[in-house]
Amino acid sequence: MVWWSHLSALGGISVTFLISIGIAAWLGAARHWGLLAAWCMLFATLLLLVCASQIAYISWNIGVSSIDFEGFSGHAARSALVFPVALFLLSERKAGASPKLAIGLGILLGLGVALARVKLGTHTFSEASAGCMLGFFIAAVFIGYARSAPSLSPHALLLGRLSAVILLALAILLPHAALPSSHQWLTALALKLSGNDRVYVRHQWRHAERPYVPPCPPSRVRFDYFCT
């Protein structure tokens, strides 16, 4: 179980955001503005879809009860996007099968994180697999666009690879730095948007018996539900 926890942590916000920032910094340093804009837009789109799907269940009980789907797994979706893209960029000018092998390794990492979420019981199979497919689809869109764009210059590639390797190493060495209150923030936003005082209970498809209480002292509560 500890091993699954470590693998799951690779999909945490701190890890995947760090890698996504590294990708953006790399493309910016290379002055590849088209790819940079595409990456930022696609990553933001993934985050929006994941958050919207989870808020829809928390606030309004919108999901698919027959397959126990209450929203995309954020860990699975982010991992399926950032790992294939980061490893593809690292091998962008390599000859032979290296880019395909790099993308394949990224896919395996994304699948591993999704499986870990199921093994730990934090998401159902439908939620993890749907998140994974969403991330892979958006990664494929970016990689397809990147392949049709002009190649990065050798100097830009050297700078970008150095930055990416440092950020990737930090992300892997610090897998437990994920923000523990990210789900609480999402819950607070869901309650504010819906005007409800209760959440829908995970895997039970019904309102909680009592109003939601933020998991922090009253002195730290802002806007009724948000912990600072």
Protein backbone atom coordinates (compact mmCIF):
# COMPACT_ATOMS: atom_id res chain seq x y z
CA MET A 1 0.00 0.00 0.00
CA VAL A 2 2.90 2.36 0.71
CA TRP A 3 4.22 1.78 -2.80
CA TRP A 4 0.82 2.71 -4.27
CA SER A 5 0.80 5.85 -2.13
CA HIS A 6 4.14 6.96 -3.56
CA LEU A 7 2.97 6.29 -7.10
CA SER A 8 -0.30 8.14 -6.48
CA ALA A 9 1.62 11.12 -5.07
CA LEU A 10 3.27 11.65 -8.46
CA GLY A 11 -0.12 12.85 -9.71
CA GLY A 12 -0.48 15.39 -6.90
CA ILE A 13 -0.93 19.09 -7.61
CA SER A 14 2.55 20.09 -6.46
CA VAL A 15 4.24 17.51 -8.71
CA THR A 16 2.15 17.96 -11.85
CA PHE A 17 2.03 21.76 -11.51
CA LEU A 18 5.79 21.85 -11.11
CA ILE A 19 6.24 19.82 -14.29
CA SER A 20 3.67 21.91 -16.17
CA ILE A 21 5.46 25.11 -15.14
CA GLY A 22 8.73 23.55 -16.29
CA ILE A 23 7.20 22.81 -19.69
CA ALA A 24 5.88 26.37 -19.97
CA ALA A 25 9.23 27.86 -18.89
CA TRP A 26 11.05 25.68 -21.39
CA LEU A 27 8.83 26.76 -24.29
CA GLY A 28 9.04 30.39 -23.17
CA ALA A 29 12.84 30.28 -22.98
CA ALA A 30 12.86 28.85 -26.50
CA ARG A 31 10.57 31.71 -27.60
CA HIS A 32 8.19 29.18 -29.05
CA TRP A 33 5.16 31.34 -28.29
CA GLY A 34 2.67 29.26 -30.26
CA LEU A 35 3.49 26.08 -28.37
CA LEU A 36 3.58 27.97 -25.08
CA ALA A 37 0.09 29.40 -25.66
CA ALA A 38 -1.22 25.98 -26.73
CA TRP A 39 0.24 24.30 -23.64
CA CYS A 40 -1.19 26.86 -21.22
CA MET A 41 -4.61 26.71 -22.88
CA LEU A 42 -4.74 22.91 -22.95
CA PHE A 43 -3.53 22.50 -19.36
CA ALA A 44 -6.07 25.09 -18.17
CA THR A 45 -8.81 23.30 -20.12
CA LEU A 46 -8.00 20.01 -18.40
CA LEU A 47 -8.09 21.64 -14.96
CA LEU A 48 -11.41 23.31 -15.76
CA LEU A 49 -13.02 20.05 -16.91
CA VAL A 50 -11.78 18.13 -13.87
CA CYS A 51 -12.94 20.79 -11.41
CA ALA A 52 -16.30 21.25 -13.15
CA SER A 53 -17.03 17.51 -13.07
CA GLN A 54 -16.24 17.23 -9.35
CA ILE A 55 -18.16 20.40 -8.44
CA ALA A 56 -21.18 19.09 -10.38
CA TYR A 57 -21.38 16.07 -8.08
CA ILE A 58 -20.52 17.82 -4.81
CA SER A 59 -23.14 20.50 -5.37
CA TRP A 60 -25.86 19.02 -7.55
CA ASN A 61 -25.42 15.23 -7.48
CA ILE A 62 -24.57 15.18 -11.20
CA GLY A 63 -22.75 12.01 -12.21
CA VAL A 64 -23.34 8.51 -13.51
CA SER A 65 -24.44 6.33 -10.63
CA SER A 66 -24.59 3.14 -12.71
CA ILE A 67 -20.79 3.17 -13.09
CA ASP A 68 -20.10 5.08 -9.84
CA PHE A 69 -18.69 8.10 -11.68
CA GLU A 70 -18.66 11.32 -9.64
CA GLY A 71 -16.05 13.28 -11.60
CA PHE A 72 -12.71 12.91 -13.37
CA SER A 73 -9.77 11.90 -11.20
CA GLY A 74 -7.51 14.95 -11.12
CA HIS A 75 -4.42 12.91 -10.30
CA ALA A 76 -5.00 10.57 -13.25
CA ALA A 77 -5.87 13.36 -15.68
CA ARG A 78 -2.91 15.59 -14.83
CA SER A 79 -0.45 12.67 -14.88
CA ALA A 80 -1.73 11.43 -18.23
CA LEU A 81 -1.14 14.90 -19.66
CA VAL A 82 2.14 16.13 -18.17
CA PHE A 83 4.28 12.97 -18.21
CA PRO A 84 3.88 12.08 -21.91
CA VAL A 85 4.34 15.73 -22.95
CA ALA A 86 7.39 16.33 -20.73
CA LEU A 87 9.13 13.15 -21.85
CA PHE A 88 8.26 13.83 -25.50
CA LEU A 89 9.86 17.27 -25.29
CA LEU A 90 12.95 15.81 -23.67
CA SER A 91 13.40 13.53 -26.67
CA GLU A 92 12.16 15.95 -29.33
CA ARG A 93 15.27 15.93 -31.54
CA LYS A 94 16.33 12.37 -30.89
CA ALA A 95 16.57 10.01 -33.86
CA GLY A 96 14.89 6.66 -34.25
CA ALA A 97 12.34 5.33 -31.80
CA SER A 98 13.40 7.49 -28.83
CA PRO A 99 10.41 9.90 -28.96
CA LYS A 100 7.96 7.00 -29.17
CA LEU A 101 9.64 5.23 -26.27
CA ALA A 102 9.56 8.46 -24.24
CA ILE A 103 5.86 8.94 -24.91
CA GLY A 104 5.28 5.27 -24.05
CA LEU A 105 7.03 5.72 -20.71
CA GLY A 106 4.87 8.78 -20.02
CA ILE A 107 1.76 6.76 -20.81
CA LEU A 108 2.86 4.02 -18.40
CA LEU A 109 3.38 6.61 -15.65
CA GLY A 110 -0.09 8.03 -16.27
CA LEU A 111 -1.66 4.57 -16.17
CA GLY A 112 0.29 3.77 -13.01
CA VAL A 113 -1.03 6.82 -11.20
CA ALA A 114 -4.59 6.04 -12.29
CA LEU A 115 -4.26 2.45 -11.06
CA ALA A 116 -2.81 3.68 -7.76
CA ARG A 117 -5.85 5.92 -7.19
CA VAL A 118 -8.11 2.89 -7.61
CA LYS A 119 -5.94 0.67 -5.39
CA LEU A 120 -5.99 3.29 -2.62
CA GLY A 121 -9.77 3.65 -2.88
CA THR A 122 -9.63 7.39 -3.53
CA HIS A 123 -11.34 7.01 -6.92
CA THR A 124 -13.42 4.38 -8.64
CA PHE A 125 -12.25 2.61 -11.78
CA SER A 126 -14.57 4.74 -13.93
CA GLU A 127 -13.27 8.01 -12.45
CA ALA A 128 -9.60 7.07 -12.77
CA SER A 129 -9.93 5.66 -16.29
CA ALA A 130 -12.00 8.63 -17.49
CA GLY A 131 -9.42 11.05 -16.04
CA CYS A 132 -6.65 9.08 -17.70
CA MET A 133 -8.37 9.13 -21.09
CA LEU A 134 -9.02 12.86 -20.80
CA GLY A 135 -5.36 13.53 -20.03
CA PHE A 136 -4.11 11.27 -22.84
CA PHE A 137 -6.43 12.94 -25.35
CA ILE A 138 -5.22 16.44 -24.49
CA ALA A 139 -1.60 15.24 -24.48
CA ALA A 140 -2.13 13.79 -27.97
CA VAL A 141 -3.53 17.11 -29.17
CA PHE A 142 -0.48 19.00 -27.89
CA ILE A 143 2.07 16.48 -29.16
CA GLY A 144 0.40 16.45 -32.58
CA TYR A 145 0.61 20.23 -32.72
CA ALA A 146 4.22 20.23 -31.46
CA ARG A 147 5.27 17.76 -34.17
CA SER A 148 3.92 20.07 -36.88
CA ALA A 149 5.65 23.14 -35.41
CA PRO A 150 9.24 24.16 -36.26
CA SER A 151 11.90 22.36 -34.23
CA LEU A 152 13.41 24.19 -31.31
CA SER A 153 16.93 25.54 -31.75
CA PRO A 154 19.80 23.49 -30.25
CA HIS A 155 20.57 26.21 -27.66
CA ALA A 156 16.93 26.45 -26.64
CA LEU A 157 16.74 22.68 -26.38
CA LEU A 158 19.82 22.56 -24.15
CA LEU A 159 18.44 25.26 -21.84
CA GLY A 160 15.00 23.71 -21.84
CA ARG A 161 16.25 20.21 -21.12
CA LEU A 162 18.40 21.42 -18.25
CA SER A 163 15.46 23.28 -16.71
CA ALA A 164 13.10 20.36 -17.29
CA VAL A 165 15.47 17.80 -15.77
CA ILE A 166 15.89 19.93 -12.63
CA LEU A 167 12.14 20.43 -12.23
CA LEU A 168 11.37 16.80 -13.00
CA ALA A 169 13.94 15.67 -10.42
CA LEU A 170 12.42 17.97 -7.80
CA ALA A 171 8.94 16.72 -8.63
CA ILE A 172 9.97 13.08 -8.22
CA LEU A 173 12.08 13.68 -5.10
CA LEU A 174 9.32 15.65 -3.39
CA PRO A 175 6.19 13.59 -4.14
CA HIS A 176 4.61 14.26 -0.76
CA ALA A 177 4.58 18.03 -1.13
CA ALA A 178 1.03 17.96 -2.53
CA LEU A 179 -1.37 20.51 -1.14
CA PRO A 180 -3.56 18.65 1.36
CA SER A 181 -6.39 21.21 1.28
CA SER A 182 -6.94 21.29 -2.49
CA HIS A 183 -10.10 19.17 -2.23
CA GLN A 184 -11.34 21.39 0.58
CA TRP A 185 -10.92 24.43 -1.64
CA LEU A 186 -12.91 22.68 -4.35
CA THR A 187 -15.63 21.81 -1.84
CA ALA A 188 -15.79 25.40 -0.61
CA LEU A 189 -16.13 26.68 -4.17
CA ALA A 190 -18.84 24.11 -4.93
CA LEU A 191 -20.91 25.14 -1.92
CA LYS A 192 -20.54 28.83 -2.73
CA LEU A 193 -21.60 28.33 -6.33
CA SER A 194 -24.61 26.18 -5.45
CA GLY A 195 -25.75 28.03 -2.33
CA ASN A 196 -26.09 24.68 -0.52
CA ASP A 197 -24.82 24.07 2.99
CA ARG A 198 -24.29 20.33 2.48
CA VAL A 199 -22.23 18.27 0.10
CA TYR A 200 -23.26 15.09 -1.67
CA VAL A 201 -21.54 12.16 0.02
CA ARG A 202 -18.93 10.22 -1.95
CA HIS A 203 -20.21 6.85 -3.24
CA GLN A 204 -23.59 7.31 -1.52
CA TRP A 205 -25.39 9.64 -3.96
CA ARG A 206 -27.19 11.57 -1.24
CA HIS A 207 -26.77 14.74 0.79
CA ALA A 208 -24.71 14.62 3.97
CA GLU A 209 -26.86 14.45 7.09
CA ARG A 210 -25.32 17.62 8.52
CA PRO A 211 -24.17 20.95 7.07
CA TYR A 212 -20.58 21.03 5.88
CA VAL A 213 -18.02 22.20 8.45
CA PRO A 214 -14.61 23.36 7.17
CA PRO A 215 -11.73 21.24 8.56
CA CYS A 216 -10.02 24.12 10.36
CA PRO A 217 -10.51 26.34 13.44
CA PRO A 218 -13.29 28.98 13.10
CA SER A 219 -10.68 31.75 13.18
CA ARG A 220 -9.27 30.46 9.88
CA VAL A 221 -12.60 30.16 8.06
CA ARG A 222 -13.27 32.71 5.31
CA PHE A 223 -16.44 33.09 3.22
CA ASP A 224 -18.22 30.46 5.38
CA TYR A 225 -16.47 27.42 3.92
CA PHE A 226 -12.93 28.33 2.92
CA CYS A 227 -9.92 27.55 5.14
CA THR A 228 -6.93 29.90 5.01
